[in-house]
Amino acid sequence: MADKNETVDDYIGSRSADVGPLLEDLRRLVLATLPGATEAMQYGVPVFLNAHSIPVIYLFGSKKHVNFGFLRSEELSDPNGILKGSGKPSKHIRVIPGKPVEKATLARFVRQCESIDS
């Protein structure tokens, strides 16, 4: 279970030296790609709400990787099965420090979150 952190900055600062900078990079990607996005701490992790105030993306920083997650993944187009996880409504992409990040792929999923409105 994630530690109790009051802000997204606290959460990122509490992660490992490898994972913290990756979380910050992914945070910037979401905020730059999702128009009107806001962030909050929910469920003990950073969650991003779209312009309709719908929670759509989360970041979970473990000791060795980040799950870049989508809370409404069933509403996203994923014809190549990139999103992983056993949860039906929410799936994620595992991002590992030191490995190339497919930012274009992440951004494609993030942009789809813009239209989720209820």
N, C-alpha and C. Protein backbone atom coordinates (compact mmCIF):
# COMPACT_ATOMS: atom_id res chain seq x y z
N MET A 1 0.85 -1.18 0.00
CA MET A 1 0.00 0.00 0.00
C MET A 1 0.89 1.24 0.00
N ALA A 2 0.46 2.26 -0.70
CA ALA A 2 1.24 3.49 -0.80
C ALA A 2 1.27 4.23 0.54
N ASP A 3 2.36 4.95 0.78
CA ASP A 3 2.48 5.77 1.98
C ASP A 3 1.48 6.90 1.92
N LYS A 4 1.15 7.46 3.11
CA LYS A 4 0.27 8.63 3.17
C LYS A 4 1.08 9.86 2.82
N ASN A 5 0.76 10.51 1.75
CA ASN A 5 1.38 11.75 1.35
C ASN A 5 0.27 12.75 1.09
N GLU A 6 0.48 14.00 1.50
CA GLU A 6 -0.55 15.01 1.36
C GLU A 6 -0.61 15.61 -0.03
N THR A 7 0.52 15.70 -0.72
CA THR A 7 0.54 16.32 -2.04
C THR A 7 1.26 15.42 -3.04
N VAL A 8 1.08 15.73 -4.30
CA VAL A 8 1.78 14.99 -5.35
C VAL A 8 3.29 15.19 -5.19
N ASP A 9 3.70 16.39 -4.87
CA ASP A 9 5.14 16.64 -4.64
C ASP A 9 5.67 15.76 -3.51
N ASP A 10 4.91 15.64 -2.41
CA ASP A 10 5.32 14.77 -1.30
C ASP A 10 5.47 13.33 -1.77
N TYR A 11 4.50 12.87 -2.54
CA TYR A 11 4.52 11.50 -3.03
C TYR A 11 5.76 11.25 -3.89
N ILE A 12 5.99 12.12 -4.85
CA ILE A 12 7.14 11.96 -5.74
C ILE A 12 8.43 12.01 -4.94
N GLY A 13 8.51 12.94 -4.00
CA GLY A 13 9.71 13.07 -3.17
C GLY A 13 9.97 11.88 -2.27
N SER A 14 8.94 11.10 -1.99
CA SER A 14 9.10 9.95 -1.09
C SER A 14 9.51 8.67 -1.83
N ARG A 15 9.57 8.72 -3.15
CA ARG A 15 9.93 7.54 -3.93
C ARG A 15 11.45 7.43 -4.06
N SER A 16 11.90 6.30 -4.56
CA SER A 16 13.34 6.04 -4.69
C SER A 16 14.00 7.01 -5.66
N ALA A 17 15.33 7.08 -5.61
CA ALA A 17 16.09 7.98 -6.48
C ALA A 17 15.91 7.65 -7.95
N ASP A 18 15.58 6.41 -8.27
CA ASP A 18 15.33 6.03 -9.66
C ASP A 18 13.90 6.36 -10.09
N VAL A 19 12.95 6.11 -9.21
CA VAL A 19 11.54 6.24 -9.56
C VAL A 19 11.03 7.68 -9.45
N GLY A 20 11.50 8.44 -8.48
CA GLY A 20 11.03 9.82 -8.30
C GLY A 20 11.17 10.69 -9.54
N PRO A 21 12.36 10.76 -10.16
CA PRO A 21 12.49 11.56 -11.38
C PRO A 21 11.62 11.07 -12.54
N LEU A 22 11.42 9.76 -12.63
CA LEU A 22 10.55 9.21 -13.66
C LEU A 22 9.11 9.65 -13.42
N LEU A 23 8.66 9.61 -12.17
CA LEU A 23 7.32 10.09 -11.84
C LEU A 23 7.16 11.55 -12.24
N GLU A 24 8.16 12.37 -11.94
CA GLU A 24 8.08 13.80 -12.29
C GLU A 24 8.01 13.98 -13.79
N ASP A 25 8.77 13.21 -14.55
CA ASP A 25 8.75 13.29 -16.00
C ASP A 25 7.37 12.90 -16.55
N LEU A 26 6.80 11.83 -16.00
CA LEU A 26 5.49 11.38 -16.45
C LEU A 26 4.40 12.37 -16.05
N ARG A 27 4.54 12.98 -14.89
CA ARG A 27 3.62 14.02 -14.44
C ARG A 27 3.62 15.17 -15.45
N ARG A 28 4.79 15.62 -15.86
CA ARG A 28 4.89 16.71 -16.84
C ARG A 28 4.25 16.31 -18.17
N LEU A 29 4.43 15.05 -18.56
CA LEU A 29 3.82 14.57 -19.81
C LEU A 29 2.30 14.68 -19.74
N VAL A 30 1.71 14.24 -18.64
CA VAL A 30 0.25 14.31 -18.49
C VAL A 30 -0.21 15.76 -18.53
N LEU A 31 0.41 16.62 -17.74
CA LEU A 31 -0.03 18.01 -17.66
C LEU A 31 0.14 18.74 -18.99
N ALA A 32 1.14 18.37 -19.78
CA ALA A 32 1.37 19.00 -21.08
C ALA A 32 0.45 18.45 -22.16
N THR A 33 -0.05 17.25 -21.98
CA THR A 33 -0.80 16.56 -23.03
C THR A 33 -2.30 16.61 -22.83
N LEU A 34 -2.75 16.69 -21.59
CA LEU A 34 -4.18 16.65 -21.28
C LEU A 34 -4.66 18.07 -20.95
N PRO A 35 -5.32 18.74 -21.90
CA PRO A 35 -5.76 20.12 -21.68
C PRO A 35 -6.67 20.24 -20.45
N GLY A 36 -6.39 21.22 -19.61
CA GLY A 36 -7.22 21.47 -18.44
C GLY A 36 -7.04 20.47 -17.32
N ALA A 37 -6.01 19.63 -17.39
CA ALA A 37 -5.81 18.61 -16.35
C ALA A 37 -5.47 19.25 -15.02
N THR A 38 -5.98 18.63 -13.97
CA THR A 38 -5.60 18.98 -12.60
C THR A 38 -5.14 17.71 -11.92
N GLU A 39 -4.40 17.88 -10.83
CA GLU A 39 -3.89 16.70 -10.12
C GLU A 39 -4.31 16.75 -8.67
N ALA A 40 -4.41 15.58 -8.08
CA ALA A 40 -4.79 15.46 -6.68
C ALA A 40 -4.25 14.13 -6.17
N MET A 41 -4.24 14.00 -4.86
CA MET A 41 -3.93 12.71 -4.26
C MET A 41 -5.24 11.99 -3.99
N GLN A 42 -5.39 10.81 -4.56
CA GLN A 42 -6.56 9.96 -4.33
C GLN A 42 -6.07 8.53 -4.26
N TYR A 43 -6.67 7.75 -3.39
CA TYR A 43 -6.28 6.34 -3.26
C TYR A 43 -4.81 6.21 -2.85
N GLY A 44 -4.22 7.28 -2.29
CA GLY A 44 -2.83 7.26 -1.86
C GLY A 44 -1.81 7.47 -2.96
N VAL A 45 -2.26 7.82 -4.16
CA VAL A 45 -1.36 8.04 -5.30
C VAL A 45 -1.79 9.29 -6.07
N PRO A 46 -0.88 9.86 -6.88
CA PRO A 46 -1.27 10.98 -7.73
C PRO A 46 -2.30 10.54 -8.78
N VAL A 47 -3.37 11.33 -8.87
CA VAL A 47 -4.42 11.09 -9.84
C VAL A 47 -4.63 12.38 -10.63
N PHE A 48 -4.84 12.23 -11.92
CA PHE A 48 -5.06 13.38 -12.79
C PHE A 48 -6.50 13.37 -13.27
N LEU A 49 -7.13 14.52 -13.15
CA LEU A 49 -8.51 14.70 -13.58
C LEU A 49 -8.49 15.47 -14.89
N ASN A 50 -9.37 15.11 -15.79
CA ASN A 50 -9.45 15.84 -17.06
C ASN A 50 -10.25 17.13 -16.86
N ALA A 51 -10.46 17.88 -17.93
CA ALA A 51 -11.16 19.17 -17.84
C ALA A 51 -12.61 19.02 -17.38
N HIS A 52 -13.15 17.80 -17.44
CA HIS A 52 -14.51 17.53 -16.96
C HIS A 52 -14.52 17.11 -15.49
N SER A 53 -13.36 17.20 -14.84
CA SER A 53 -13.18 16.82 -13.43
C SER A 53 -13.38 15.33 -13.19
N ILE A 54 -13.09 14.53 -14.20
CA ILE A 54 -13.19 13.07 -14.11
C ILE A 54 -11.79 12.52 -13.85
N PRO A 55 -11.61 11.73 -12.78
CA PRO A 55 -10.30 11.09 -12.56
C PRO A 55 -10.04 10.08 -13.68
N VAL A 56 -8.93 10.27 -14.41
CA VAL A 56 -8.68 9.43 -15.58
C VAL A 56 -7.32 8.73 -15.57
N ILE A 57 -6.34 9.29 -14.89
CA ILE A 57 -4.97 8.75 -14.92
C ILE A 57 -4.42 8.71 -13.51
N TYR A 58 -3.64 7.68 -13.22
CA TYR A 58 -2.93 7.63 -11.94
C TYR A 58 -1.48 7.24 -12.18
N LEU A 59 -0.63 7.60 -11.24
CA LEU A 59 0.77 7.19 -11.25
C LEU A 59 1.05 6.45 -9.95
N PHE A 60 1.54 5.23 -10.06
CA PHE A 60 1.93 4.45 -8.88
C PHE A 60 3.41 4.16 -8.96
N GLY A 61 4.16 4.67 -8.01
CA GLY A 61 5.60 4.45 -7.99
C GLY A 61 5.98 3.36 -7.01
N SER A 62 6.41 2.23 -7.53
CA SER A 62 6.91 1.16 -6.66
C SER A 62 8.41 1.38 -6.46
N LYS A 63 9.08 0.42 -5.87
CA LYS A 63 10.53 0.56 -5.65
C LYS A 63 11.32 0.56 -6.96
N LYS A 64 10.82 -0.19 -7.96
CA LYS A 64 11.61 -0.39 -9.17
C LYS A 64 10.93 0.00 -10.48
N HIS A 65 9.69 0.45 -10.42
CA HIS A 65 8.99 0.83 -11.64
C HIS A 65 7.84 1.78 -11.33
N VAL A 66 7.24 2.30 -12.39
CA VAL A 66 6.04 3.14 -12.27
C VAL A 66 4.93 2.50 -13.08
N ASN A 67 3.76 2.41 -12.50
CA ASN A 67 2.57 2.05 -13.28
C ASN A 67 1.91 3.35 -13.70
N PHE A 68 1.85 3.56 -15.00
CA PHE A 68 1.18 4.72 -15.60
C PHE A 68 -0.21 4.21 -15.92
N GLY A 69 -1.17 4.53 -15.06
CA GLY A 69 -2.47 3.87 -15.14
C GLY A 69 -3.60 4.72 -15.64
N PHE A 70 -4.59 4.04 -16.17
CA PHE A 70 -5.78 4.68 -16.71
C PHE A 70 -7.00 4.12 -15.98
N LEU A 71 -7.68 5.01 -15.24
CA LEU A 71 -8.78 4.60 -14.39
C LEU A 71 -10.02 4.17 -15.18
N ARG A 72 -10.13 4.60 -16.41
CA ARG A 72 -11.27 4.23 -17.25
C ARG A 72 -10.77 3.58 -18.54
N SER A 73 -9.86 2.64 -18.39
CA SER A 73 -9.21 2.04 -19.56
C SER A 73 -10.18 1.34 -20.50
N GLU A 74 -11.31 0.89 -20.00
CA GLU A 74 -12.27 0.21 -20.87
C GLU A 74 -12.85 1.18 -21.91
N GLU A 75 -12.68 2.48 -21.69
CA GLU A 75 -13.19 3.48 -22.62
C GLU A 75 -12.13 3.95 -23.63
N LEU A 76 -10.93 3.37 -23.54
CA LEU A 76 -9.84 3.78 -24.42
C LEU A 76 -9.65 2.75 -25.54
N SER A 77 -9.23 3.24 -26.68
CA SER A 77 -8.91 2.35 -27.79
C SER A 77 -7.51 1.78 -27.57
N ASP A 78 -7.43 0.46 -27.51
CA ASP A 78 -6.15 -0.23 -27.29
C ASP A 78 -6.10 -1.48 -28.17
N PRO A 79 -6.12 -1.30 -29.50
CA PRO A 79 -6.18 -2.46 -30.39
C PRO A 79 -4.97 -3.38 -30.31
N ASN A 80 -3.84 -2.88 -29.85
CA ASN A 80 -2.64 -3.71 -29.77
C ASN A 80 -2.42 -4.32 -28.39
N GLY A 81 -3.36 -4.12 -27.47
CA GLY A 81 -3.26 -4.73 -26.15
C GLY A 81 -2.07 -4.24 -25.34
N ILE A 82 -1.76 -2.96 -25.44
CA ILE A 82 -0.63 -2.39 -24.72
C ILE A 82 -0.91 -2.27 -23.23
N LEU A 83 -2.14 -1.92 -22.88
CA LEU A 83 -2.51 -1.75 -21.47
C LEU A 83 -2.58 -3.11 -20.78
N LYS A 84 -2.01 -3.18 -19.58
CA LYS A 84 -1.93 -4.43 -18.84
C LYS A 84 -2.63 -4.30 -17.50
N GLY A 85 -2.91 -5.43 -16.88
CA GLY A 85 -3.51 -5.46 -15.56
C GLY A 85 -4.74 -6.33 -15.56
N SER A 86 -5.08 -6.82 -14.38
CA SER A 86 -6.22 -7.72 -14.26
C SER A 86 -7.52 -6.99 -13.97
N GLY A 87 -7.43 -5.72 -13.60
CA GLY A 87 -8.63 -4.95 -13.32
C GLY A 87 -9.38 -4.63 -14.61
N LYS A 88 -10.70 -4.73 -14.56
CA LYS A 88 -11.47 -4.45 -15.76
C LYS A 88 -11.54 -2.96 -16.06
N PRO A 89 -11.87 -2.12 -15.07
CA PRO A 89 -11.97 -0.70 -15.43
C PRO A 89 -10.63 0.01 -15.52
N SER A 90 -9.60 -0.47 -14.82
CA SER A 90 -8.33 0.26 -14.87
C SER A 90 -7.18 -0.67 -15.21
N LYS A 91 -6.39 -0.20 -16.17
CA LYS A 91 -5.19 -0.92 -16.60
C LYS A 91 -4.04 0.07 -16.67
N HIS A 92 -2.85 -0.42 -16.92
CA HIS A 92 -1.68 0.45 -16.86
C HIS A 92 -0.62 0.04 -17.87
N ILE A 93 0.37 0.91 -17.99
CA ILE A 93 1.60 0.63 -18.73
C ILE A 93 2.72 0.70 -17.71
N ARG A 94 3.52 -0.34 -17.62
CA ARG A 94 4.65 -0.35 -16.68
C ARG A 94 5.82 0.38 -17.31
N VAL A 95 6.35 1.36 -16.58
CA VAL A 95 7.49 2.15 -17.05
C VAL A 95 8.64 1.88 -16.09
N ILE A 96 9.79 1.50 -16.63
CA ILE A 96 10.94 1.10 -15.81
C ILE A 96 12.06 2.13 -15.97
N PRO A 97 12.58 2.64 -14.84
CA PRO A 97 13.68 3.61 -14.93
C PRO A 97 14.85 3.04 -15.74
N GLY A 98 15.44 3.90 -16.57
CA GLY A 98 16.59 3.49 -17.37
C GLY A 98 16.23 2.82 -18.68
N LYS A 99 14.96 2.49 -18.88
CA LYS A 99 14.53 1.88 -20.14
C LYS A 99 13.81 2.95 -20.96
N PRO A 100 13.88 2.86 -22.28
CA PRO A 100 13.22 3.88 -23.11
C PRO A 100 11.72 3.97 -22.80
N VAL A 101 11.24 5.19 -22.75
CA VAL A 101 9.81 5.45 -22.52
C VAL A 101 9.18 5.81 -23.86
N GLU A 102 8.16 5.08 -24.23
CA GLU A 102 7.45 5.37 -25.48
C GLU A 102 6.47 6.52 -25.22
N LYS A 103 7.01 7.74 -25.18
CA LYS A 103 6.19 8.90 -24.84
C LYS A 103 5.06 9.12 -25.84
N ALA A 104 5.29 8.82 -27.10
CA ALA A 104 4.23 8.99 -28.10
C ALA A 104 3.06 8.05 -27.80
N THR A 105 3.37 6.83 -27.37
CA THR A 105 2.31 5.87 -27.02
C THR A 105 1.57 6.34 -25.79
N LEU A 106 2.31 6.77 -24.76
CA LEU A 106 1.66 7.28 -23.55
C LEU A 106 0.77 8.48 -23.90
N ALA A 107 1.29 9.40 -24.70
CA ALA A 107 0.53 10.60 -25.05
C ALA A 107 -0.74 10.24 -25.83
N ARG A 108 -0.68 9.20 -26.66
CA ARG A 108 -1.87 8.78 -27.41
C ARG A 108 -2.98 8.35 -26.46
N PHE A 109 -2.63 7.61 -25.41
CA PHE A 109 -3.63 7.20 -24.42
C PHE A 109 -4.10 8.39 -23.60
N VAL A 110 -3.18 9.27 -23.22
CA VAL A 110 -3.55 10.44 -22.43
C VAL A 110 -4.53 11.31 -23.19
N ARG A 111 -4.29 11.54 -24.47
CA ARG A 111 -5.20 12.37 -25.27
C ARG A 111 -6.60 11.77 -25.34
N GLN A 112 -6.71 10.46 -25.32
CA GLN A 112 -8.04 9.83 -25.35
C GLN A 112 -8.83 10.15 -24.08
N CYS A 113 -8.14 10.43 -22.99
CA CYS A 113 -8.80 10.71 -21.72
C CYS A 113 -9.50 12.07 -21.72
N GLU A 114 -9.15 12.91 -22.67
CA GLU A 114 -9.75 14.25 -22.73
C GLU A 114 -11.26 14.19 -22.91
N SER A 115 -11.77 13.24 -23.67
CA SER A 115 -13.19 13.20 -23.99
C SER A 115 -14.05 12.44 -22.99
N ILE A 116 -13.46 11.82 -22.00
CA ILE A 116 -14.26 11.09 -20.98
C ILE A 116 -14.96 12.15 -20.13
N ASP A 117 -16.29 12.10 -20.11
CA ASP A 117 -17.02 13.18 -19.46
C ASP A 117 -18.12 12.76 -18.49
N SER A 118 -18.24 11.52 -18.21
CA SER A 118 -19.25 11.14 -17.20
C SER A 118 -18.88 9.84 -16.53
